Amino acid sequence: APLEVIIKKDATLALRDLSKAGQEQNVSREELIALLRQKQAQNAEQPVVISADKNVRYEEVIKVMDVLQQQQIKKVGLLAQTRGQ
């Protein structure tokens, strides 16, 4: 199951492990990167999906995608379901 990176309407970030149906954990960008790298070290094929509140500007989603790509986080996708409906 993927790890879900959540972009909230105030542009803050959270992370949820969908394999454990866990609660979302608020994180800074630095914490997000550290957690994703740790998970990727355990499983190089660990998928990551990004979901965003419907009021988040598309540019915020692109920024997060860029940061993840710069940090060599692989298998990043977008979650089609819109949050906040």
C-alpha atoms as a PDB file:
ATOM      1  CA  ALA A   1       0.000   0.000   0.000  1.00  0.00           C
ATOM      2  CA  PRO A   2       1.230   3.500  -0.721  1.00  0.00           C
ATOM      3  CA  LEU A   3       2.268   6.229   1.649  1.00  0.00           C
ATOM      4  CA  GLU A   4      -0.057   9.212   1.260  1.00  0.00           C
ATOM      5  CA  VAL A   5       1.399  12.710   1.337  1.00  0.00           C
ATOM      6  CA  ILE A   6      -1.436  15.075   2.204  1.00  0.00           C
ATOM      7  CA  ILE A   7      -1.360  18.765   1.299  1.00  0.00           C
ATOM      8  CA  LYS A   8      -3.890  20.577   3.451  1.00  0.00           C
ATOM      9  CA  LYS A   9      -5.757  23.723   2.445  1.00  0.00           C
ATOM     10  CA  ASP A  10      -3.318  25.867   4.473  1.00  0.00           C
ATOM     11  CA  ALA A  11      -0.438  24.179   2.535  1.00  0.00           C
ATOM     12  CA  THR A  12       0.768  22.246   5.594  1.00  0.00           C
ATOM     13  CA  LEU A  13       1.752  18.635   5.076  1.00  0.00           C
ATOM     14  CA  ALA A  14       0.788  15.330   6.640  1.00  0.00           C
ATOM     15  CA  LEU A  15       1.747  11.716   6.013  1.00  0.00           C
ATOM     16  CA  ARG A  16      -0.426   8.607   6.283  1.00  0.00           C
ATOM     17  CA  ASP A  17       0.664   4.985   5.861  1.00  0.00           C
ATOM     18  CA  LEU A  18      -2.246   3.420   3.962  1.00  0.00           C
ATOM     19  CA  SER A  19      -0.966  -0.105   4.653  1.00  0.00           C
ATOM     20  CA  LYS A  20      -1.707   0.420   8.333  1.00  0.00           C
ATOM     21  CA  ALA A  21      -4.839   2.549   7.911  1.00  0.00           C
ATOM     22  CA  GLY A  22      -3.120   4.919  10.288  1.00  0.00           C
ATOM     23  CA  GLN A  23      -3.946   8.418  11.289  1.00  0.00           C
ATOM     24  CA  GLU A  24      -2.357  11.231   9.355  1.00  0.00           C
ATOM     25  CA  GLN A  25       0.760  12.632  10.995  1.00  0.00           C
ATOM     26  CA  ASN A  26       1.503  16.340  10.552  1.00  0.00           C
ATOM     27  CA  VAL A  27       5.041  16.817   9.236  1.00  0.00           C
ATOM     28  CA  SER A  28       7.357  19.553   8.020  1.00  0.00           C
ATOM     29  CA  ARG A  29       8.970  19.170   4.596  1.00  0.00           C
ATOM     30  CA  GLU A  30      12.190  18.028   6.270  1.00  0.00           C
ATOM     31  CA  GLU A  31      10.352  15.432   8.374  1.00  0.00           C
ATOM     32  CA  LEU A  32       8.433  14.253   5.312  1.00  0.00           C
ATOM     33  CA  ILE A  33      11.616  13.698   3.334  1.00  0.00           C
ATOM     34  CA  ALA A  34      13.312  11.902   6.244  1.00  0.00           C
ATOM     35  CA  LEU A  35      10.329   9.585   6.770  1.00  0.00           C
ATOM     36  CA  LEU A  36       9.972   8.805   3.070  1.00  0.00           C
ATOM     37  CA  ARG A  37      13.684   8.077   2.709  1.00  0.00           C
ATOM     38  CA  GLN A  38      13.526   5.779   5.722  1.00  0.00           C
ATOM     39  CA  LYS A  39      10.571   3.885   4.217  1.00  0.00           C
ATOM     40  CA  GLN A  40      12.300   3.730   0.838  1.00  0.00           C
ATOM     41  CA  ALA A  41      15.441   2.301   2.469  1.00  0.00           C
ATOM     42  CA  GLN A  42      13.282  -0.544   3.780  1.00  0.00           C
ATOM     43  CA  ASN A  43      11.458  -0.964   0.452  1.00  0.00           C
ATOM     44  CA  ALA A  44      12.943   0.611  -2.683  1.00  0.00           C
ATOM     45  CA  GLU A  45       9.626   0.114  -4.499  1.00  0.00           C
ATOM     46  CA  GLN A  46       7.534   1.869  -1.831  1.00  0.00           C
ATOM     47  CA  PRO A  47       4.870   3.843  -3.733  1.00  0.00           C
ATOM     48  CA  VAL A  48       3.982   7.376  -2.653  1.00  0.00           C
ATOM     49  CA  VAL A  49       0.798   9.208  -3.591  1.00  0.00           C
ATOM     50  CA  ILE A  50       0.050  12.883  -3.164  1.00  0.00           C
ATOM     51  CA  SER A  51      -3.435  14.063  -2.277  1.00  0.00           C
ATOM     52  CA  ALA A  52      -4.421  17.673  -1.835  1.00  0.00           C
ATOM     53  CA  ASP A  53      -7.360  19.596  -0.483  1.00  0.00           C
ATOM     54  CA  LYS A  54      -9.538  20.846  -3.336  1.00  0.00           C
ATOM     55  CA  ASN A  55      -8.624  24.445  -2.435  1.00  0.00           C
ATOM     56  CA  VAL A  56      -4.867  23.906  -2.742  1.00  0.00           C
ATOM     57  CA  ARG A  57      -3.314  25.588  -5.760  1.00  0.00           C
ATOM     58  CA  TYR A  58      -1.853  23.219  -8.319  1.00  0.00           C
ATOM     59  CA  GLU A  59       1.525  24.939  -7.907  1.00  0.00           C
ATOM     60  CA  GLU A  60       1.726  23.645  -4.313  1.00  0.00           C
ATOM     61  CA  VAL A  61       1.285  20.076  -5.555  1.00  0.00           C
ATOM     62  CA  ILE A  62       4.028  20.592  -8.160  1.00  0.00           C
ATOM     63  CA  LYS A  63       6.366  22.004  -5.477  1.00  0.00           C
ATOM     64  CA  VAL A  64       5.917  18.907  -3.336  1.00  0.00           C
ATOM     65  CA  MET A  65       6.434  16.626  -6.348  1.00  0.00           C
ATOM     66  CA  ASP A  66       9.627  18.513  -7.245  1.00  0.00           C
ATOM     67  CA  VAL A  67      11.001  18.219  -3.711  1.00  0.00           C
ATOM     68  CA  LEU A  68      10.352  14.471  -3.679  1.00  0.00           C
ATOM     69  CA  GLN A  69      11.995  13.993  -7.074  1.00  0.00           C
ATOM     70  CA  GLN A  70      15.041  16.026  -5.984  1.00  0.00           C
ATOM     71  CA  GLN A  71      15.369  13.714  -2.977  1.00  0.00           C
ATOM     72  CA  GLN A  72      15.310  10.619  -5.210  1.00  0.00           C
ATOM     73  CA  ILE A  73      11.910   9.487  -3.901  1.00  0.00           C
ATOM     74  CA  LYS A  74      10.690   7.072  -6.552  1.00  0.00           C
ATOM     75  CA  LYS A  75       7.226   5.894  -7.580  1.00  0.00           C
ATOM     76  CA  VAL A  76       5.370   9.147  -6.857  1.00  0.00           C
ATOM     77  CA  GLY A  77       1.824   9.515  -8.141  1.00  0.00           C
ATOM     78  CA  LEU A  78      -1.259  11.625  -7.620  1.00  0.00           C
ATOM     79  CA  LEU A  79      -4.332  10.412  -5.785  1.00  0.00           C
ATOM     80  CA  ALA A  80      -7.332  11.181  -7.959  1.00  0.00           C
ATOM     81  CA  GLN A  81      -9.778  11.581  -5.085  1.00  0.00           C
ATOM     82  CA  THR A  82     -10.039  15.207  -4.022  1.00  0.00           C
ATOM     83  CA  ARG A  83      -9.806  15.863  -0.300  1.00  0.00           C
ATOM     84  CA  GLY A  84     -12.183  18.245   1.402  1.00  0.00           C
ATOM     85  CA  GLN A  85     -15.322  17.474  -0.583  1.00  0.00           C
END
